[in-house]
Each structure stands twice: as structure tokens, then as C-alpha cells.
């Protein structure tokens, strides 16, 4: 396979999701000669609970402002030798972009209810999914009050799909659906039309990413970290499965009960086509201020403000951090979605948990980070 080398620069540090502040003593110790194994998971939905969205099990009415849902997950091992690092990882990225009409229509259809809550439904749905294995290599530069790290990643894509539907549909009391929709799909996995691969298209591809992180110790009390994952990314799939066409209800027939029914018709093309895609960047901006008036010889107290952008959604946090001699405890709150977050790290272990509802079946936001590390 020929690799098309693409110029890409990303400002992210992989463990920022777990260790938010790289300026602390514990994190400085981890920068050199250590190995970490980690699990990271980030999920959010303003459509319906995350579990229902992922499992396509629409048990409750979707939100009236439905627009997006995503889950991004990664597991791997990362090692540092001096300023060099190497990371092997497996990642899964899944995004759903929609509108309130589409979410309402999906809910009614999935629960066998007629589409009569409104006169018509304007469809707008985009699904994007990719699964890949890969590695990153990186280097970090450290000055007195400033550090930066760049990571270049190569990914072998084992599954990819992008499906888009637009159109207008209508419903009646007999649970018939009429209308037209434009459909476009690239896939080597699942697809709406259940098109199977008869060795006519490829099942894998590759991608290149670059990640970079910056930390600036502005004063003795104040520092700023900026981390962007997938600031630039480029993935290429060769001869991926492809469908494009129109679905309409021009065909009608009389059913066994004597009522009029509609037989959806698809007019379009099946085949294979090259497909390129990118991933939305993950941005983390953290400001950290040390409050000496609340600190003592046994611990230090700091205030945190954080901005995160993921899946094209903005998140704003405020919180506090207590650093002890051998560990760090951080408490933060998502100010818009009221999702609390707790972080804890010491010399060999780190964890992060955020959830907006203690009942996981109802959670619209969930984040989990776990890591074990060994210094040598």
C-alpha cells in the first residue's frame, strides 16, 4: 500500500483527558522514561440517552433540539524515552448529526407509531463511523517555562461508513410513510440498503494524524495548557462500497385489508468508489491558578477553568484541584450540561469519570479515563 504523506499538525497530548495539568510535579515526573496503558472513552448526545442511541433502541421521546451524538474511544500503550515517545492504539469514532424532525420520525418509526405528530418531517441525517488500529511517534521540547509535544499517527482502518439522508416524508393514521429521500453512502460495514460485499470493494484503508500539546507557565501561580487531538487528519479508503440514489413512494398497492399501502422504491447506483474523510478535532484549553492563601505545607489548592470542543460541541468547565505530596484530586463541573467530573492521579495510577445522570440508562454525557503507568 502506498502511503500518501500529508502535511498535518495537531496540538494534542494523549493523556490530557486524564492528567489535565501538565505543569504539576507528578506529571513532570511522568514525562521521562515511563510506560502507560490506558483506556479513554468520551460520549455525548443531545438526541436521546447515549446507550439507546448506540444500540439503536429508541425507548423515549428525543429532545426537541436534537442535533448531535458521538462516542470516541481509544485503548493503547504509550512509552516515553527522554523526549521521544511511541504509542500503539485502537480507536473507534462514531458521530450522528441530525435535526429534530429526523429524530422525531426515527422515534415514531422505531416504536411503531404513525408519523402524524406534524404535517411533514424534513429529513437530515449523517452517520460517520470509523474503527482503526495504529501507532503514533512523537517528540517533546522543554524550555524553562514552556513545553510542546508533537505526535504523528498512522492508522490502519478496519471499518468505515458515512451515510447521509435528506428529504421530506409524510405519515398517515394507517402507519404508511410517503415522501422522497436522497441517499448517499460509503461503507465496508453496515449500510441502510444492506448491500453486501461480493469481493467488489476493499475492506480497509489508512489514515494519518498529527497531535500537538503546548504548556506555558505564565507566572509562578498561573499556567495554560492547550491540547488538540486530530487538529489535522486525513483518511483514505480505496474502492469502498458506494450507494447513491433516491428513495420514493411512487409505487402503491392495495394491501390484504383493503387499504392503500406504499412500496418504497430505490432508484440509484451500487458500486465501489474511493472515499476520503477527516475527523473533527478535539480541543482542550485549561487555565490553572494556584491559590497560596488556601494552601499549606501538606497540600496546594488551585482553581481551574477549562474549554473543550469535541464532535463540534462546545463544553465549558470550572473546578478546583488539590495537590498532595504524592497525588492530585480534581473536581470539575460542566457549566452548561451540569455534568460533574472527578479526576485522581498518583505515581502509578490515574482515573477520570464524568456523568450527568447516575442512572447510566438515562445518561446523555459520559466520560471515562483509566491508566496505569510504570516509571523506569
Protein backbone atom coordinates (compact mmCIF):
# COMPACT_ATOMS: atom_id res chain seq x y z
CA UNK A 1 0.00 0.00 0.00
CA UNK A 2 1.34 3.39 -0.98
CA UNK A 3 1.24 5.93 1.80
CA UNK A 4 0.40 9.47 0.72
CA UNK A 5 2.40 11.63 3.16
CA UNK A 6 0.21 14.56 4.11
CA UNK A 7 1.32 17.65 5.99
CA UNK A 8 -0.56 17.69 9.28
CA UNK A 9 -0.05 19.37 12.65
CA UNK A 10 -2.08 18.67 15.80
CA UNK A 11 -1.83 20.24 19.22
CA UNK A 12 -2.82 17.43 21.50
CA UNK A 13 -1.36 15.37 24.27
CA UNK A 14 -2.98 11.97 24.70
CA UNK A 15 -3.19 11.97 28.44
CA UNK A 16 -4.59 15.50 28.84
CA UNK A 17 -8.01 13.88 29.30
CA UNK A 18 -6.68 12.17 32.40
CA UNK A 19 -3.97 14.46 33.69
CA UNK A 20 -5.37 17.89 32.87
CA UNK A 21 -2.43 19.93 34.16
CA UNK A 22 0.98 19.02 32.81
CA UNK A 23 2.70 21.65 34.99
CA UNK A 24 2.45 19.66 38.22
CA UNK A 25 5.31 17.76 39.77
CA UNK A 26 3.69 14.34 39.37
CA UNK A 27 3.12 14.91 35.68
CA UNK A 28 6.61 16.26 35.13
CA UNK A 29 7.93 13.05 36.62
CA UNK A 30 5.86 11.05 34.13
CA UNK A 31 7.28 12.87 31.13
CA UNK A 32 10.53 10.90 31.04
CA UNK A 33 11.12 7.14 30.86
CA UNK A 34 7.74 5.63 31.66
CA UNK A 35 5.17 3.30 30.11
CA UNK A 36 1.40 3.74 30.43
CA UNK A 37 -1.54 1.53 29.48
CA UNK A 38 -4.81 3.41 29.13
CA UNK A 39 -8.50 3.35 28.27
CA UNK A 40 -10.28 6.55 27.19
CA UNK A 41 -13.98 6.97 26.36
CA UNK A 42 -15.88 10.19 25.57
CA UNK A 43 -19.61 10.16 24.73
CA UNK A 44 -22.26 12.86 24.41
CA UNK A 45 -25.76 13.13 22.98
CA UNK A 46 -28.44 15.81 22.86
CA UNK A 47 -30.79 13.46 20.96
CA UNK A 48 -31.58 10.74 23.49
CA UNK A 49 -29.54 8.75 26.06
CA UNK A 50 -26.19 7.53 24.77
CA UNK A 51 -26.89 3.83 25.30
CA UNK A 52 -30.16 3.99 23.35
CA UNK A 53 -28.51 5.90 20.52
CA UNK A 54 -25.60 3.46 20.18
CA UNK A 55 -27.84 0.38 20.40
CA UNK A 56 -30.47 1.96 18.09
CA UNK A 57 -33.09 1.25 20.74
CA UNK A 58 -35.34 4.35 20.85
CA UNK A 59 -37.20 3.92 24.13
CA UNK A 60 -38.03 7.55 24.87
CA UNK A 61 -39.03 10.71 23.03
CA UNK A 62 -35.94 12.51 21.65
CA UNK A 63 -35.05 16.04 22.70
CA UNK A 64 -36.73 18.91 20.87
CA UNK A 65 -33.32 20.40 19.99
CA UNK A 66 -31.76 17.15 18.77
CA UNK A 67 -28.68 17.72 16.63
CA UNK A 68 -25.69 15.54 17.55
CA UNK A 69 -24.43 12.45 19.30
CA UNK A 70 -20.92 10.99 19.40
CA UNK A 71 -18.72 8.45 21.10
CA UNK A 72 -14.95 8.38 20.77
CA UNK A 73 -12.99 5.56 22.39
CA UNK A 74 -9.36 4.57 22.50
CA UNK A 75 -7.21 1.95 24.21
CA UNK A 76 -3.46 1.67 23.97
CA UNK A 77 0.04 1.72 25.41
CA UNK A 78 2.34 4.73 25.36
CA UNK A 79 6.04 4.84 26.27
CA UNK A 80 8.45 7.74 26.80
CA UNK A 81 12.24 7.63 26.50
CA UNK A 82 13.58 11.07 27.28
CA UNK A 83 11.93 13.43 24.81
CA UNK A 84 10.80 10.66 22.44
CA UNK A 85 7.57 8.69 22.74
CA UNK A 86 5.83 5.82 20.96
CA UNK A 87 2.16 4.87 21.20
CA UNK A 88 0.18 1.89 19.83
CA UNK A 89 -3.60 2.22 19.97
CA UNK A 90 -7.02 1.04 18.85
CA UNK A 91 -9.66 3.72 18.31
CA UNK A 92 -13.37 3.85 17.48
CA UNK A 93 -15.07 7.09 16.42
CA UNK A 94 -18.83 7.34 15.83
CA UNK A 95 -20.81 10.51 15.06
CA UNK A 96 -24.52 11.18 14.44
CA UNK A 97 -25.63 14.55 13.03
CA UNK A 98 -29.37 15.15 12.67
CA UNK A 99 -32.26 17.59 13.31
CA UNK A 100 -35.42 17.48 15.49
CA UNK A 101 -37.67 16.34 12.60
CA UNK A 102 -35.47 13.38 11.79
CA UNK A 103 -35.09 12.35 15.44
CA UNK A 104 -38.88 12.50 15.94
CA UNK A 105 -39.52 10.47 12.78
CA UNK A 106 -36.98 7.81 13.82
CA UNK A 107 -38.54 7.54 17.26
CA UNK A 108 -42.08 7.11 15.90
CA UNK A 109 -40.95 4.54 13.32
CA UNK A 110 -38.88 2.55 15.83
CA UNK A 111 -41.84 2.44 18.26
CA UNK A 112 -44.40 1.53 15.55
CA UNK A 113 -46.34 4.78 15.90
CA UNK A 114 -47.83 6.66 12.92
CA UNK A 115 -45.98 9.77 11.77
CA UNK A 116 -48.83 12.19 12.42
CA UNK A 117 -47.42 14.45 15.14
CA UNK A 118 -46.79 17.09 12.46
CA UNK A 119 -47.67 17.74 8.81
CA UNK A 120 -44.29 16.65 7.41
CA UNK A 121 -40.79 15.73 8.51
CA UNK A 122 -37.71 17.29 6.97
CA UNK A 123 -35.00 14.62 7.00
CA UNK A 124 -31.37 15.49 7.64
CA UNK A 125 -29.18 12.65 8.92
CA UNK A 126 -25.47 11.98 8.69
CA UNK A 127 -23.75 8.99 10.30
CA UNK A 128 -19.99 8.66 10.37
CA UNK A 129 -18.08 5.74 11.83
CA UNK A 130 -14.51 4.53 11.69
CA UNK A 131 -12.52 1.85 13.52
CA UNK A 132 -8.76 1.55 13.22
CA UNK A 133 -5.52 0.31 14.75
CA UNK A 134 -2.40 2.41 14.60
CA UNK A 135 0.62 4.00 16.22
CA UNK A 136 1.94 7.45 17.00
CA UNK A 137 5.51 8.66 17.30
CA UNK A 138 6.28 11.94 18.98
CA UNK A 139 8.83 14.35 20.34
CA UNK A 140 8.63 17.00 23.06
CA UNK A 141 10.60 20.19 23.54
CA UNK A 142 11.03 21.65 27.03
CA UNK A 143 12.20 25.13 27.96
CA UNK A 144 12.16 26.80 31.37
CA UNK A 145 8.51 27.91 31.29
CA UNK A 146 7.30 26.39 28.03
CA UNK A 147 6.91 22.89 26.59
CA UNK A 148 5.38 21.45 23.45
CA UNK A 149 4.85 17.96 22.08
CA UNK A 150 4.06 16.76 18.55
CA UNK A 151 2.76 13.29 17.70
CA UNK A 152 2.42 11.85 14.19
CA UNK A 153 -0.02 8.94 13.85
CA UNK A 154 -0.58 6.28 11.20
CA UNK A 155 -3.83 4.27 11.24
CA UNK A 156 -4.91 1.07 9.51
CA UNK A 157 -8.69 1.44 9.10
CA UNK A 158 -10.63 -1.82 9.51
CA UNK A 159 -14.16 -0.37 9.24
CA UNK A 160 -15.60 2.85 7.84
CA UNK A 161 -19.02 4.20 7.00
CA UNK A 162 -20.53 7.54 6.08
CA UNK A 163 -24.27 7.68 5.38
CA UNK A 164 -26.32 10.77 4.53
CA UNK A 165 -30.08 11.10 4.06
CA UNK A 166 -32.01 14.24 3.15
CA UNK A 167 -35.62 14.64 2.05
CA UNK A 168 -39.21 15.03 3.17
CA UNK A 169 -41.65 12.37 4.40
CA UNK A 170 -45.31 12.26 5.48
CA UNK A 171 -47.31 9.83 7.59
CA UNK A 172 -50.96 8.77 7.95
CA UNK A 173 -53.16 7.05 10.53
CA UNK A 174 -52.51 3.64 8.91
CA UNK A 175 -48.81 3.96 9.67
CA UNK A 176 -47.94 4.43 5.98
CA UNK A 177 -44.98 6.64 5.16
CA UNK A 178 -44.76 8.60 1.94
CA UNK A 179 -42.25 11.02 0.55
CA UNK A 180 -38.85 11.15 -1.08
CA UNK A 181 -35.32 10.99 0.23
CA UNK A 182 -31.86 11.34 -1.26
CA UNK A 183 -29.42 8.69 -0.02
CA UNK A 184 -25.64 8.61 -0.24
CA UNK A 185 -23.44 6.03 1.49
CA UNK A 186 -19.83 4.89 1.61
CA UNK A 187 -19.26 1.70 3.59
CA UNK A 188 -17.38 -1.52 4.17
CA UNK A 189 -19.51 -2.46 7.15
CA UNK A 190 -23.22 -1.77 7.77
CA UNK A 191 -25.38 0.33 5.44
CA UNK A 192 -29.04 1.31 5.14
CA UNK A 193 -29.67 -0.73 1.99
CA UNK A 194 -27.96 -3.83 3.45
CA UNK A 195 -25.69 -4.05 0.41
CA UNK A 196 -23.26 -6.94 0.89
CA UNK A 197 -19.70 -7.22 -0.35
CA UNK A 198 -19.21 -9.83 -3.06
CA UNK A 199 -15.49 -9.10 -3.27
CA UNK A 200 -16.29 -5.98 -5.28
CA UNK A 201 -14.74 -3.45 -2.90
CA UNK A 202 -11.93 -3.10 -0.40
CA UNK A 203 -12.46 -3.50 3.34
CA UNK A 204 -9.66 -1.39 4.76
CA UNK A 205 -7.78 1.86 4.33
CA UNK A 206 -5.32 4.11 6.11
CA UNK A 207 -5.12 7.46 7.83
CA UNK A 208 -2.55 9.97 9.04
CA UNK A 209 -2.92 12.31 12.01
CA UNK A 210 -0.71 14.74 13.89
CA UNK A 211 -1.15 15.70 17.56
CA UNK A 212 0.49 18.56 19.50
CA UNK A 213 0.34 19.91 23.05
CA UNK A 214 1.53 23.22 24.50
CA UNK A 215 2.01 24.18 28.15
CA UNK A 216 3.02 27.68 29.25
CA UNK A 217 3.92 28.54 32.84
CA UNK A 218 2.93 32.20 32.61
CA UNK A 219 3.80 33.02 36.24
CA UNK A 220 4.61 31.03 39.37
CA UNK A 221 0.86 30.83 40.09
CA UNK A 222 -0.70 30.69 36.63
CA UNK A 223 -0.24 28.31 33.69
CA UNK A 224 -2.12 27.46 30.49
CA UNK A 225 -2.31 24.18 28.56
CA UNK A 226 -3.63 23.85 25.01
CA UNK A 227 -4.21 20.39 23.56
CA UNK A 228 -5.82 19.49 20.24
CA UNK A 229 -6.22 15.93 19.09
CA UNK A 230 -6.85 15.37 15.37
CA UNK A 231 -6.31 19.03 14.62
CA UNK A 232 -5.40 17.69 11.20
CA UNK A 233 -6.39 14.25 9.96
CA UNK A 234 -6.72 12.60 6.58
CA UNK A 235 -8.09 9.10 5.98
CA UNK A 236 -8.27 7.35 2.60
CA UNK A 237 -10.33 4.32 1.63
CA UNK A 238 -9.75 2.78 -1.79
CA UNK A 239 -12.73 1.27 -3.68
CA UNK A 240 -15.07 1.44 -0.71
CA UNK A 241 -18.67 0.24 -1.13
CA UNK A 242 -20.82 3.05 -2.53
CA UNK A 243 -24.55 3.71 -3.00
CA UNK A 244 -26.25 6.87 -4.20
CA UNK A 245 -29.83 7.36 -5.26
CA UNK A 246 -33.38 8.35 -4.45
CA UNK A 247 -35.98 6.57 -2.33
CA UNK A 248 -39.62 7.46 -3.06
CA UNK A 249 -43.15 6.09 -2.72
CA UNK A 250 -44.32 6.40 -6.32
CA UNK A 251 -45.40 2.77 -6.21
CA UNK A 252 -48.68 1.98 -4.40
CA UNK A 253 -50.76 -1.17 -3.92
CA UNK A 254 -53.89 -2.35 -2.09
CA UNK A 255 -52.97 -4.41 0.97
CA UNK A 256 -54.77 -7.50 2.30
CA UNK A 257 -57.04 -5.36 4.48
CA UNK A 258 -58.21 -3.30 1.52
CA UNK A 259 -56.22 -0.21 2.42
CA UNK A 260 -53.76 1.68 0.27
CA UNK A 261 -50.12 0.97 1.01
CA UNK A 262 -46.90 2.34 -0.40
CA UNK A 263 -43.93 0.36 -1.61
CA UNK A 264 -40.77 2.44 -1.33
CA UNK A 265 -38.66 2.33 -4.48
CA UNK A 266 -34.93 2.92 -4.75
CA UNK A 267 -33.51 4.35 -7.93
CA UNK A 268 -29.77 4.75 -7.94
CA UNK A 269 -26.40 3.11 -8.27
CA UNK A 270 -24.41 0.49 -6.39
CA UNK A 271 -20.70 0.09 -6.79
CA UNK A 272 -17.31 0.96 -5.37
CA UNK A 273 -15.63 4.34 -5.06
CA UNK A 274 -12.62 5.93 -3.38
CA UNK A 275 -13.53 7.74 -0.16
CA UNK A 276 -11.54 10.30 1.85
CA UNK A 277 -12.63 11.66 5.21
CA UNK A 278 -11.40 13.66 8.18
CA UNK A 279 -12.24 13.59 11.89
CA UNK A 280 -13.33 16.65 13.91
CA UNK A 281 -10.60 17.94 16.16
CA UNK A 282 -10.72 17.58 19.94
CA UNK A 283 -9.66 20.83 21.62
CA UNK A 284 -8.76 21.19 25.30
CA UNK A 285 -7.81 24.56 26.79
CA UNK A 286 -7.05 24.58 30.52
CA UNK A 287 -6.19 27.57 32.73
CA UNK A 288 -4.76 26.78 36.18
CA UNK A 289 -4.33 29.27 39.05
CA UNK A 290 -2.59 28.44 42.34
CA UNK A 291 -4.18 29.97 45.46
CA UNK A 292 -1.46 30.16 48.08
CA UNK A 293 -3.87 31.54 50.69
CA UNK A 294 -5.69 28.19 50.80
CA UNK A 295 -2.55 26.06 50.60
CA UNK A 296 -0.47 24.56 53.37
CA UNK A 297 2.71 22.54 53.80
CA UNK A 298 0.72 19.34 53.11
CA UNK A 299 -1.24 20.37 50.02
CA UNK A 300 -1.81 23.14 47.48
CA UNK A 301 -5.19 24.43 46.27
CA UNK A 302 -5.79 25.63 42.71
CA UNK A 303 -8.68 26.88 40.60
CA UNK A 304 -9.32 25.57 37.08
CA UNK A 305 -11.18 26.84 34.03
CA UNK A 306 -11.48 24.58 31.01
CA UNK A 307 -12.82 24.84 27.47
CA UNK A 308 -13.33 21.67 25.44
CA UNK A 309 -14.57 21.23 21.89
CA UNK A 310 -15.36 17.73 20.70
CA UNK A 311 -17.65 16.46 17.95
CA UNK A 312 -18.35 20.11 17.02
CA UNK A 313 -19.84 20.69 20.51
CA UNK A 314 -18.51 23.29 22.96
CA UNK A 315 -18.12 22.45 26.66
CA UNK A 316 -17.22 24.85 29.50
CA UNK A 317 -15.93 23.75 32.91
CA UNK A 318 -14.94 25.27 36.23
CA UNK A 319 -13.39 23.48 39.16
CA UNK A 320 -10.77 23.12 41.85
CA UNK A 321 -7.73 20.94 42.35
CA UNK A 322 -5.93 19.76 45.46
CA UNK A 323 -2.37 18.52 45.04
CA UNK A 324 -0.91 16.43 47.88
CA UNK A 325 2.65 15.19 48.16
CA UNK A 326 2.04 12.05 46.08
CA UNK A 327 -1.37 12.53 44.44
CA UNK A 328 -3.73 15.02 42.81
CA UNK A 329 -7.52 15.28 43.21
CA UNK A 330 -9.57 17.39 40.78
CA UNK A 331 -13.27 18.24 40.83
CA UNK A 332 -14.89 20.00 37.87
CA UNK A 333 -18.38 20.84 36.62
CA UNK A 334 -19.67 21.19 33.06
CA UNK A 335 -21.45 24.54 33.44
CA UNK A 336 -23.97 24.02 30.63
CA UNK A 337 -24.86 20.35 31.00
CA UNK A 338 -24.29 20.22 34.79
CA UNK A 339 -22.19 17.09 34.48
CA UNK A 340 -19.74 16.66 37.41
CA UNK A 341 -16.27 15.30 36.79
CA UNK A 342 -13.73 13.79 39.18
CA UNK A 343 -10.07 13.11 38.46
CA UNK A 344 -7.47 11.40 40.60
CA UNK A 345 -3.84 10.57 39.87
CA UNK A 346 -0.78 9.38 41.75
CA UNK A 347 2.63 7.98 40.81
CA UNK A 348 1.25 4.80 39.22
CA UNK A 349 -2.46 5.25 38.52
CA UNK A 350 -4.87 7.85 37.10
CA UNK A 351 -8.63 7.93 36.61
CA UNK A 352 -11.27 10.32 35.37
CA UNK A 353 -15.06 9.94 35.48
CA UNK A 354 -17.82 12.29 34.35
CA UNK A 355 -21.51 11.51 34.03
CA UNK A 356 -24.64 13.68 34.01
CA UNK A 357 -27.05 11.07 35.43
CA UNK A 358 -26.30 8.39 38.00
CA UNK A 359 -28.64 6.08 36.04
CA UNK A 360 -26.47 5.01 33.09
CA UNK A 361 -29.61 4.19 31.09
CA UNK A 362 -30.51 7.90 31.12
CA UNK A 363 -27.04 9.41 30.76
CA UNK A 364 -26.61 11.93 27.93
CA UNK A 365 -22.96 12.55 28.75
CA UNK A 366 -20.33 10.05 29.90
CA UNK A 367 -16.54 10.16 30.09
CA UNK A 368 -14.13 7.60 31.49
CA UNK A 369 -10.35 7.51 31.61
CA UNK A 370 -8.22 4.85 33.28
CA UNK A 371 -4.46 4.49 33.17
CA UNK A 372 -1.71 2.59 34.90
CA UNK A 373 1.88 3.70 34.46
CA UNK A 374 5.35 2.43 35.34
CA UNK A 375 8.42 4.66 35.59
CA UNK A 376 11.83 3.24 34.75
